[in-house]
Amino acid sequence: MLYMHILTWAPGQRDAVIERVKKIGMEHEGIKVIGTWVDVHGGRVFQLSEEPADPKFGLKANFAWNDLMKIEAVPVMKAEEFLQLL
């Protein structure tokens, strides 16, 4: 399943987020990252990933970051696929 993750942090957390990215990266076992986009105004990242239906993969990935940022995981699908379901 595809998820759009919206990662948001407070301005005071910026340096800690950068250090964590350098230390552990932004990819996690069992999760295929399709793309990552950075809000040029700062404080936010959008990451599209493909994840198994098993929630343990998302939970493990989120727990690595939830002390520094808010993480929203939105299940998404291509518009063409959605229209075919209607």
N, C-alpha and C. Protein backbone atom coordinates (compact mmCIF):
# COMPACT_ATOMS: atom_id res chain seq x y z
N MET A 1 0.83 -1.17 0.00
CA MET A 1 0.00 0.00 0.00
C MET A 1 0.89 1.24 0.00
N LEU A 2 0.42 2.30 -0.69
CA LEU A 2 1.17 3.55 -0.74
C LEU A 2 0.75 4.47 0.41
N TYR A 3 1.74 5.15 0.99
CA TYR A 3 1.49 6.12 2.04
C TYR A 3 2.25 7.40 1.73
N MET A 4 1.58 8.54 1.94
CA MET A 4 2.26 9.82 1.91
C MET A 4 2.47 10.21 3.36
N HIS A 5 3.72 10.30 3.75
CA HIS A 5 4.07 10.69 5.11
C HIS A 5 4.39 12.18 5.11
N ILE A 6 3.78 12.89 6.06
CA ILE A 6 4.06 14.30 6.24
C ILE A 6 4.77 14.43 7.58
N LEU A 7 6.04 14.80 7.53
CA LEU A 7 6.88 14.88 8.71
C LEU A 7 7.08 16.36 9.04
N THR A 8 6.69 16.76 10.24
CA THR A 8 6.75 18.16 10.64
C THR A 8 7.50 18.29 11.96
N TRP A 9 8.38 19.29 12.08
CA TRP A 9 9.10 19.51 13.33
C TRP A 9 9.14 21.00 13.65
N ALA A 10 9.33 21.28 14.92
CA ALA A 10 9.43 22.65 15.39
C ALA A 10 10.79 23.22 14.99
N PRO A 11 10.88 24.54 14.80
CA PRO A 11 12.15 25.15 14.40
C PRO A 11 13.31 24.78 15.34
N GLY A 12 13.05 24.65 16.61
CA GLY A 12 14.10 24.30 17.56
C GLY A 12 14.62 22.88 17.43
N GLN A 13 13.92 22.04 16.69
CA GLN A 13 14.32 20.64 16.49
C GLN A 13 15.12 20.42 15.22
N ARG A 14 15.28 21.47 14.42
CA ARG A 14 15.92 21.33 13.11
C ARG A 14 17.28 20.63 13.17
N ASP A 15 18.15 21.09 14.04
CA ASP A 15 19.50 20.51 14.11
C ASP A 15 19.46 19.05 14.55
N ALA A 16 18.57 18.72 15.49
CA ALA A 16 18.44 17.33 15.94
C ALA A 16 17.93 16.44 14.81
N VAL A 17 17.00 16.96 14.00
CA VAL A 17 16.49 16.19 12.86
C VAL A 17 17.61 15.95 11.86
N ILE A 18 18.38 16.97 11.55
CA ILE A 18 19.49 16.83 10.60
C ILE A 18 20.49 15.78 11.10
N GLU A 19 20.84 15.83 12.37
CA GLU A 19 21.79 14.86 12.93
C GLU A 19 21.24 13.43 12.87
N ARG A 20 19.94 13.25 13.14
CA ARG A 20 19.35 11.91 13.08
C ARG A 20 19.35 11.39 11.66
N VAL A 21 19.05 12.26 10.68
CA VAL A 21 19.09 11.84 9.27
C VAL A 21 20.49 11.38 8.91
N LYS A 22 21.50 12.12 9.34
CA LYS A 22 22.89 11.74 9.06
C LYS A 22 23.23 10.41 9.72
N LYS A 23 22.69 10.17 10.90
CA LYS A 23 23.02 8.97 11.68
C LYS A 23 22.31 7.72 11.16
N ILE A 24 20.98 7.80 10.97
CA ILE A 24 20.22 6.59 10.61
C ILE A 24 19.58 6.64 9.23
N GLY A 25 19.62 7.80 8.56
CA GLY A 25 18.97 7.91 7.25
C GLY A 25 17.46 8.00 7.40
N MET A 26 16.77 7.95 6.26
CA MET A 26 15.31 8.05 6.29
C MET A 26 14.62 6.82 5.71
N GLU A 27 15.39 5.78 5.45
CA GLU A 27 14.79 4.55 4.93
C GLU A 27 14.79 3.50 6.02
N HIS A 28 13.78 2.64 6.00
CA HIS A 28 13.62 1.61 7.01
C HIS A 28 13.37 0.27 6.35
N GLU A 29 13.84 -0.78 6.99
CA GLU A 29 13.70 -2.14 6.47
C GLU A 29 12.24 -2.48 6.21
N GLY A 30 11.98 -3.03 5.03
CA GLY A 30 10.63 -3.46 4.66
C GLY A 30 9.78 -2.37 4.04
N ILE A 31 10.31 -1.14 4.00
CA ILE A 31 9.57 -0.01 3.43
C ILE A 31 10.34 0.53 2.24
N LYS A 32 9.68 0.60 1.08
CA LYS A 32 10.32 1.11 -0.12
C LYS A 32 9.97 2.59 -0.27
N VAL A 33 10.97 3.45 -0.17
CA VAL A 33 10.76 4.88 -0.35
C VAL A 33 10.74 5.18 -1.85
N ILE A 34 9.66 5.79 -2.30
CA ILE A 34 9.50 6.12 -3.71
C ILE A 34 10.04 7.51 -4.00
N GLY A 35 9.85 8.42 -3.07
CA GLY A 35 10.36 9.77 -3.25
C GLY A 35 10.24 10.58 -1.97
N THR A 36 11.12 11.56 -1.83
CA THR A 36 11.12 12.44 -0.68
C THR A 36 11.24 13.87 -1.17
N TRP A 37 10.38 14.74 -0.65
CA TRP A 37 10.37 16.14 -1.03
C TRP A 37 10.47 16.99 0.23
N VAL A 38 11.27 18.05 0.17
CA VAL A 38 11.47 18.95 1.30
C VAL A 38 10.74 20.26 1.03
N ASP A 39 9.99 20.72 2.03
CA ASP A 39 9.35 22.03 1.97
C ASP A 39 10.45 23.08 2.01
N VAL A 40 10.59 23.88 0.96
CA VAL A 40 11.69 24.84 0.88
C VAL A 40 11.58 25.95 1.93
N HIS A 41 10.43 26.10 2.55
CA HIS A 41 10.27 27.08 3.62
C HIS A 41 10.71 26.51 4.97
N GLY A 42 10.99 25.21 5.00
CA GLY A 42 11.52 24.57 6.20
C GLY A 42 10.46 23.92 7.08
N GLY A 43 10.93 23.00 7.92
CA GLY A 43 10.07 22.40 8.92
C GLY A 43 9.19 21.26 8.48
N ARG A 44 9.31 20.84 7.20
CA ARG A 44 8.42 19.78 6.71
C ARG A 44 9.07 18.98 5.61
N VAL A 45 8.77 17.69 5.60
CA VAL A 45 9.20 16.78 4.54
C VAL A 45 7.99 15.93 4.15
N PHE A 46 7.86 15.64 2.86
CA PHE A 46 6.83 14.74 2.34
C PHE A 46 7.55 13.53 1.79
N GLN A 47 7.11 12.35 2.19
CA GLN A 47 7.77 11.13 1.72
C GLN A 47 6.71 10.12 1.28
N LEU A 48 6.80 9.70 0.01
CA LEU A 48 5.91 8.68 -0.53
C LEU A 48 6.60 7.34 -0.40
N SER A 49 5.91 6.37 0.19
CA SER A 49 6.52 5.05 0.37
C SER A 49 5.50 3.95 0.11
N GLU A 50 6.04 2.79 -0.19
CA GLU A 50 5.22 1.60 -0.36
C GLU A 50 5.53 0.70 0.83
N GLU A 51 4.46 0.28 1.54
CA GLU A 51 4.64 -0.49 2.75
C GLU A 51 3.75 -1.73 2.72
N PRO A 52 4.21 -2.79 3.37
CA PRO A 52 3.37 -3.98 3.51
C PRO A 52 2.13 -3.65 4.35
N ALA A 53 1.11 -4.47 4.26
CA ALA A 53 -0.11 -4.27 5.04
C ALA A 53 0.14 -4.43 6.54
N ASP A 54 1.18 -5.12 6.92
CA ASP A 54 1.51 -5.36 8.33
C ASP A 54 1.91 -4.04 8.99
N PRO A 55 1.17 -3.58 10.00
CA PRO A 55 1.45 -2.27 10.61
C PRO A 55 2.77 -2.18 11.36
N LYS A 56 3.40 -3.31 11.66
CA LYS A 56 4.65 -3.24 12.43
C LYS A 56 5.74 -2.48 11.70
N PHE A 57 5.72 -2.47 10.37
CA PHE A 57 6.74 -1.76 9.61
C PHE A 57 6.63 -0.25 9.81
N GLY A 58 5.41 0.26 9.69
CA GLY A 58 5.19 1.70 9.89
C GLY A 58 5.43 2.12 11.33
N LEU A 59 5.01 1.29 12.27
CA LEU A 59 5.22 1.61 13.68
C LEU A 59 6.70 1.71 14.02
N LYS A 60 7.47 0.76 13.55
CA LYS A 60 8.91 0.76 13.82
C LYS A 60 9.57 2.00 13.22
N ALA A 61 9.22 2.34 12.00
CA ALA A 61 9.79 3.51 11.35
C ALA A 61 9.40 4.79 12.08
N ASN A 62 8.13 4.90 12.47
CA ASN A 62 7.67 6.11 13.15
C ASN A 62 8.30 6.27 14.52
N PHE A 63 8.48 5.18 15.25
CA PHE A 63 9.06 5.25 16.60
C PHE A 63 10.49 5.77 16.56
N ALA A 64 11.18 5.61 15.43
CA ALA A 64 12.54 6.12 15.31
C ALA A 64 12.58 7.65 15.24
N TRP A 65 11.42 8.27 15.02
CA TRP A 65 11.36 9.71 14.79
C TRP A 65 10.39 10.46 15.68
N ASN A 66 9.43 9.80 16.31
CA ASN A 66 8.33 10.52 16.95
C ASN A 66 8.73 11.33 18.18
N ASP A 67 9.97 11.23 18.64
CA ASP A 67 10.43 12.10 19.71
C ASP A 67 10.86 13.47 19.18
N LEU A 68 11.08 13.57 17.86
CA LEU A 68 11.52 14.83 17.26
C LEU A 68 10.47 15.51 16.40
N MET A 69 9.51 14.76 15.91
CA MET A 69 8.57 15.34 14.95
C MET A 69 7.21 14.67 14.99
N LYS A 70 6.26 15.37 14.42
CA LYS A 70 4.91 14.82 14.22
C LYS A 70 4.92 14.11 12.87
N ILE A 71 4.34 12.91 12.83
CA ILE A 71 4.30 12.13 11.60
C ILE A 71 2.85 11.80 11.26
N GLU A 72 2.42 12.24 10.08
CA GLU A 72 1.11 11.87 9.57
C GLU A 72 1.32 10.87 8.44
N ALA A 73 0.63 9.76 8.48
CA ALA A 73 0.71 8.74 7.43
C ALA A 73 -0.66 8.65 6.75
N VAL A 74 -0.70 9.05 5.49
CA VAL A 74 -1.95 9.11 4.75
C VAL A 74 -1.93 8.04 3.65
N PRO A 75 -2.85 7.06 3.70
CA PRO A 75 -2.89 6.08 2.61
C PRO A 75 -3.37 6.78 1.33
N VAL A 76 -2.64 6.55 0.22
CA VAL A 76 -2.98 7.20 -1.04
C VAL A 76 -2.97 6.18 -2.18
N MET A 77 -3.58 6.57 -3.29
CA MET A 77 -3.52 5.76 -4.51
C MET A 77 -3.55 6.71 -5.70
N LYS A 78 -3.09 6.21 -6.84
CA LYS A 78 -3.11 7.02 -8.05
C LYS A 78 -4.56 7.35 -8.40
N ALA A 79 -4.77 8.55 -8.92
CA ALA A 79 -6.12 8.99 -9.26
C ALA A 79 -6.77 8.06 -10.29
N GLU A 80 -5.96 7.56 -11.24
CA GLU A 80 -6.50 6.67 -12.27
C GLU A 80 -7.07 5.39 -11.64
N GLU A 81 -6.36 4.85 -10.65
CA GLU A 81 -6.84 3.64 -9.97
C GLU A 81 -8.11 3.94 -9.20
N PHE A 82 -8.14 5.09 -8.54
CA PHE A 82 -9.33 5.48 -7.78
C PHE A 82 -10.55 5.60 -8.69
N LEU A 83 -10.36 6.25 -9.83
CA LEU A 83 -11.48 6.45 -10.76
C LEU A 83 -12.02 5.12 -11.28
N GLN A 84 -11.15 4.13 -11.45
CA GLN A 84 -11.61 2.83 -11.91
C GLN A 84 -12.47 2.12 -10.85
N LEU A 85 -12.26 2.46 -9.59
CA LEU A 85 -13.04 1.84 -8.52
C LEU A 85 -14.43 2.45 -8.39
N LEU A 86 -14.62 3.65 -8.94
CA LEU A 86 -15.92 4.32 -8.84
C LEU A 86 -16.95 3.72 -9.73
